[in-house]
C-alpha atoms as a PDB file:
ATOM      1  CA  MET A   1       3.906  37.203 -45.523  1.00  0.00           C
ATOM      2  CA  GLU A   2       6.285  36.822 -48.177  1.00  0.00           C
ATOM      3  CA  LYS A   3       5.470  39.631 -50.330  1.00  0.00           C
ATOM      4  CA  LEU A   4       6.691  39.480 -54.166  1.00  0.00           C
ATOM      5  CA  SER A   5       8.083  42.474 -56.235  1.00  0.00           C
ATOM      6  CA  ASN A   6       4.369  43.693 -57.590  1.00  0.00           C
ATOM      7  CA  ARG A   7       3.385  44.298 -54.065  1.00  0.00           C
ATOM      8  CA  LYS A   8      -0.177  43.160 -55.291  1.00  0.00           C
ATOM      9  CA  ILE A   9       1.057  38.650 -54.481  1.00  0.00           C
ATOM     10  CA  GLY A  10       1.204  37.202 -51.077  1.00  0.00           C
ATOM     11  CA  VAL A  11       2.344  33.845 -50.239  1.00  0.00           C
ATOM     12  CA  ASP A  12       1.797  32.345 -46.809  1.00  0.00           C
ATOM     13  CA  GLN A  13       2.346  29.181 -45.422  1.00  0.00           C
ATOM     14  CA  GLY A  14       2.770  27.552 -42.318  1.00  0.00           C
ATOM     15  CA  GLU A  15       2.280  23.676 -40.848  1.00  0.00           C
ATOM     16  CA  ALA A  16      -0.539  22.494 -38.008  1.00  0.00           C
ATOM     17  CA  VAL A  17      -0.379  19.625 -35.986  1.00  0.00           C
ATOM     18  CA  LEU A  18      -3.600  18.100 -36.532  1.00  0.00           C
ATOM     19  CA  PHE A  19      -3.528  15.709 -33.831  1.00  0.00           C
ATOM     20  CA  SER A  20      -1.531  12.919 -31.874  1.00  0.00           C
ATOM     21  CA  ASP A  21      -3.848  10.055 -30.792  1.00  0.00           C
ATOM     22  CA  PHE A  22      -0.946   7.156 -30.518  1.00  0.00           C
ATOM     23  CA  GLN A  23      -0.779   8.216 -26.344  1.00  0.00           C
ATOM     24  CA  HIS A  24      -3.900   8.428 -25.019  1.00  0.00           C
ATOM     25  CA  GLY A  25      -5.570   5.825 -27.111  1.00  0.00           C
ATOM     26  CA  GLY A  26      -7.526   8.617 -29.619  1.00  0.00           C
ATOM     27  CA  GLN A  27      -9.849   7.965 -32.730  1.00  0.00           C
ATOM     28  CA  MET A  28      -7.525   8.252 -35.216  1.00  0.00           C
ATOM     29  CA  TRP A  29      -5.218   5.528 -33.691  1.00  0.00           C
ATOM     30  CA  THR A  30      -7.831   2.370 -32.526  1.00  0.00           C
ATOM     31  CA  GLY A  31      -8.942   2.887 -35.803  1.00  0.00           C
ATOM     32  CA  GLU A  32     -12.806   3.211 -34.424  1.00  0.00           C
ATOM     33  CA  GLY A  33     -15.303   6.937 -34.194  1.00  0.00           C
ATOM     34  CA  GLN A  34     -14.670  10.083 -35.722  1.00  0.00           C
ATOM     35  CA  ARG A  35     -12.090   9.638 -38.340  1.00  0.00           C
ATOM     36  CA  GLU A  36     -11.625  12.972 -39.647  1.00  0.00           C
ATOM     37  CA  ARG A  37      -9.805  16.278 -38.036  1.00  0.00           C
ATOM     38  CA  ARG A  38     -10.139  19.671 -38.874  1.00  0.00           C
ATOM     39  CA  GLN A  39      -8.111  22.874 -37.822  1.00  0.00           C
ATOM     40  CA  ARG A  40      -8.903  26.354 -38.539  1.00  0.00           C
ATOM     41  CA  ILE A  41      -6.145  28.354 -39.878  1.00  0.00           C
ATOM     42  CA  THR A  42      -5.759  32.145 -39.778  1.00  0.00           C
ATOM     43  CA  PHE A  43      -3.741  34.206 -42.484  1.00  0.00           C
ATOM     44  CA  SER A  44      -1.067  36.237 -41.034  1.00  0.00           C
ATOM     45  CA  GLU A  45      -2.381  39.217 -43.539  1.00  0.00           C
ATOM     46  CA  ALA A  46      -5.548  39.778 -44.927  1.00  0.00           C
ATOM     47  CA  TYR A  47      -6.192  38.595 -48.925  1.00  0.00           C
ATOM     48  CA  HIS A  48      -7.515  41.011 -50.845  1.00  0.00           C
ATOM     49  CA  LYS A  49      -9.988  37.889 -52.378  1.00  0.00           C
ATOM     50  CA  LYS A  50     -10.227  34.237 -51.623  1.00  0.00           C
ATOM     51  CA  PRO A  51      -6.465  32.895 -52.305  1.00  0.00           C
ATOM     52  CA  VAL A  52      -5.812  29.559 -53.785  1.00  0.00           C
ATOM     53  CA  VAL A  53      -4.354  27.066 -51.019  1.00  0.00           C
ATOM     54  CA  HIS A  54      -2.208  24.022 -50.978  1.00  0.00           C
ATOM     55  CA  CYS A  55      -2.154  21.187 -48.227  1.00  0.00           C
ATOM     56  CA  SER A  56       0.540  18.317 -48.188  1.00  0.00           C
ATOM     57  CA  VAL A  57       1.415  15.670 -45.334  1.00  0.00           C
ATOM     58  CA  SER A  58       4.335  16.915 -43.723  1.00  0.00           C
ATOM     59  CA  MET A  59       4.775  14.516 -41.130  1.00  0.00           C
ATOM     60  CA  TRP A  60       2.861  11.551 -40.049  1.00  0.00           C
ATOM     61  CA  ASP A  61       3.108   8.591 -38.285  1.00  0.00           C
ATOM     62  CA  VAL A  62       1.408   5.237 -39.234  1.00  0.00           C
ATOM     63  CA  ASP A  63       0.819   1.265 -38.092  1.00  0.00           C
ATOM     64  CA  SER A  64       2.571  -0.654 -40.721  1.00  0.00           C
ATOM     65  CA  SER A  65       0.069  -3.937 -40.448  1.00  0.00           C
ATOM     66  CA  ALA A  66      -2.668  -1.911 -42.066  1.00  0.00           C
ATOM     67  CA  ASN A  67      -3.402  -0.141 -44.913  1.00  0.00           C
ATOM     68  CA  VAL A  68      -2.155   3.500 -45.125  1.00  0.00           C
ATOM     69  CA  ARG A  69      -5.423   6.253 -46.565  1.00  0.00           C
ATOM     70  CA  ALA A  70      -5.622   9.397 -45.771  1.00  0.00           C
ATOM     71  CA  ASP A  71      -7.011  12.620 -47.575  1.00  0.00           C
ATOM     72  CA  VAL A  72      -6.577  15.659 -47.284  1.00  0.00           C
ATOM     73  CA  MET A  73      -7.793  19.282 -48.535  1.00  0.00           C
ATOM     74  CA  ALA A  74      -8.575  23.176 -47.347  1.00  0.00           C
ATOM     75  CA  GLU A  75     -12.086  23.537 -47.173  1.00  0.00           C
ATOM     76  CA  HIS A  76     -14.145  26.725 -46.129  1.00  0.00           C
ATOM     77  CA  VAL A  77     -11.565  29.007 -48.001  1.00  0.00           C
ATOM     78  CA  ASP A  78     -11.793  32.826 -47.876  1.00  0.00           C
ATOM     79  CA  ASP A  79      -9.755  35.665 -47.659  1.00  0.00           C
ATOM     80  CA  ARG A  80      -8.555  35.285 -43.734  1.00  0.00           C
ATOM     81  CA  GLY A  81      -7.975  31.741 -43.679  1.00  0.00           C
ATOM     82  CA  PHE A  82      -9.126  28.171 -44.129  1.00  0.00           C
ATOM     83  CA  ASP A  83     -10.084  25.033 -42.902  1.00  0.00           C
ATOM     84  CA  ILE A  84      -7.445  22.109 -43.030  1.00  0.00           C
ATOM     85  CA  VAL A  85      -9.220  18.539 -43.262  1.00  0.00           C
ATOM     86  CA  PHE A  86      -8.311  15.276 -42.605  1.00  0.00           C
ATOM     87  CA  ARG A  87      -9.814  11.886 -43.526  1.00  0.00           C
ATOM     88  CA  THR A  88      -8.780   8.356 -42.930  1.00  0.00           C
ATOM     89  CA  TRP A  89     -11.203   5.252 -43.489  1.00  0.00           C
ATOM     90  CA  GLY A  90     -11.252   1.590 -43.111  1.00  0.00           C
ATOM     91  CA  ASP A  91      -8.621  -0.076 -41.316  1.00  0.00           C
ATOM     92  CA  THR A  92      -5.984   2.606 -41.247  1.00  0.00           C
ATOM     93  CA  ARG A  93      -4.192   3.344 -37.884  1.00  0.00           C
ATOM     94  CA  ILE A  94      -2.722   6.866 -37.880  1.00  0.00           C
ATOM     95  CA  ALA A  95      -0.838   8.018 -34.324  1.00  0.00           C
ATOM     96  CA  ARG A  96       0.059  11.958 -35.710  1.00  0.00           C
ATOM     97  CA  ALA A  97       0.063  13.807 -38.228  1.00  0.00           C
ATOM     98  CA  ARG A  98       1.419  17.115 -39.491  1.00  0.00           C
ATOM     99  CA  ILE A  99       0.104  18.880 -42.498  1.00  0.00           C
ATOM    100  CA  GLY A 100       2.164  21.750 -44.184  1.00  0.00           C
ATOM    101  CA  TRP A 101       0.484  24.944 -46.232  1.00  0.00           C
ATOM    102  CA  MET A 102       0.772  27.232 -48.733  1.00  0.00           C
ATOM    103  CA  ALA A 103      -2.034  30.129 -49.773  1.00  0.00           C
ATOM    104  CA  ILE A 104      -1.030  32.381 -52.492  1.00  0.00           C
ATOM    105  CA  GLY A 105      -3.279  35.163 -53.576  1.00  0.00           C
ATOM    106  CA  GLU A 106      -3.633  39.035 -54.611  1.00  0.00           C
ATOM    107  CA  LEU A 107      -3.130  41.098 -51.301  1.00  0.00           C
ATOM    108  CA  ALA A 108      -5.022  44.753 -51.063  1.00  0.00           C
ATOM    109  CA  SER A 109      -2.640  47.546 -52.734  1.00  0.00           C
ATOM    110  CA  THR A 110      -2.795  51.611 -51.894  1.00  0.00           C
ATOM    111  CA  ASP A 111      -3.830  51.427 -55.653  1.00  0.00           C
ATOM    112  CA  ASP A 112      -6.693  50.286 -54.832  1.00  0.00           C
ATOM    113  CA  TRP A 113     -10.389  52.308 -54.941  1.00  0.00           C
ATOM    114  CA  ASP A 114     -13.400  51.697 -53.233  1.00  0.00           C
ATOM    115  CA  VAL A 115     -16.205  53.296 -54.955  1.00  0.00           C
END
């Protein structure tokens, strides 16, 4: 985690490979069954309160003979982590996907009072 100069803002980031379905004929590749993957991410340090989280596709391997559709988001964000959610639908076939994420928020400080 990188702490900015005021020591109250923290930026945490990383990447997660959510699935690799090509080699074993998984549902994201065959286009049948459950078309959603979730992975819980734990921040390297707890935030003082819920941070803002941004997710984006950093790598995906898709079948070019079908439409390419994806929905990527952060759900269930709290001060300790969040769930990356990746969804697709229709005839889209995805072999594998890696999602990058960044969280920005307020950190606890020694100046905070708990009364």
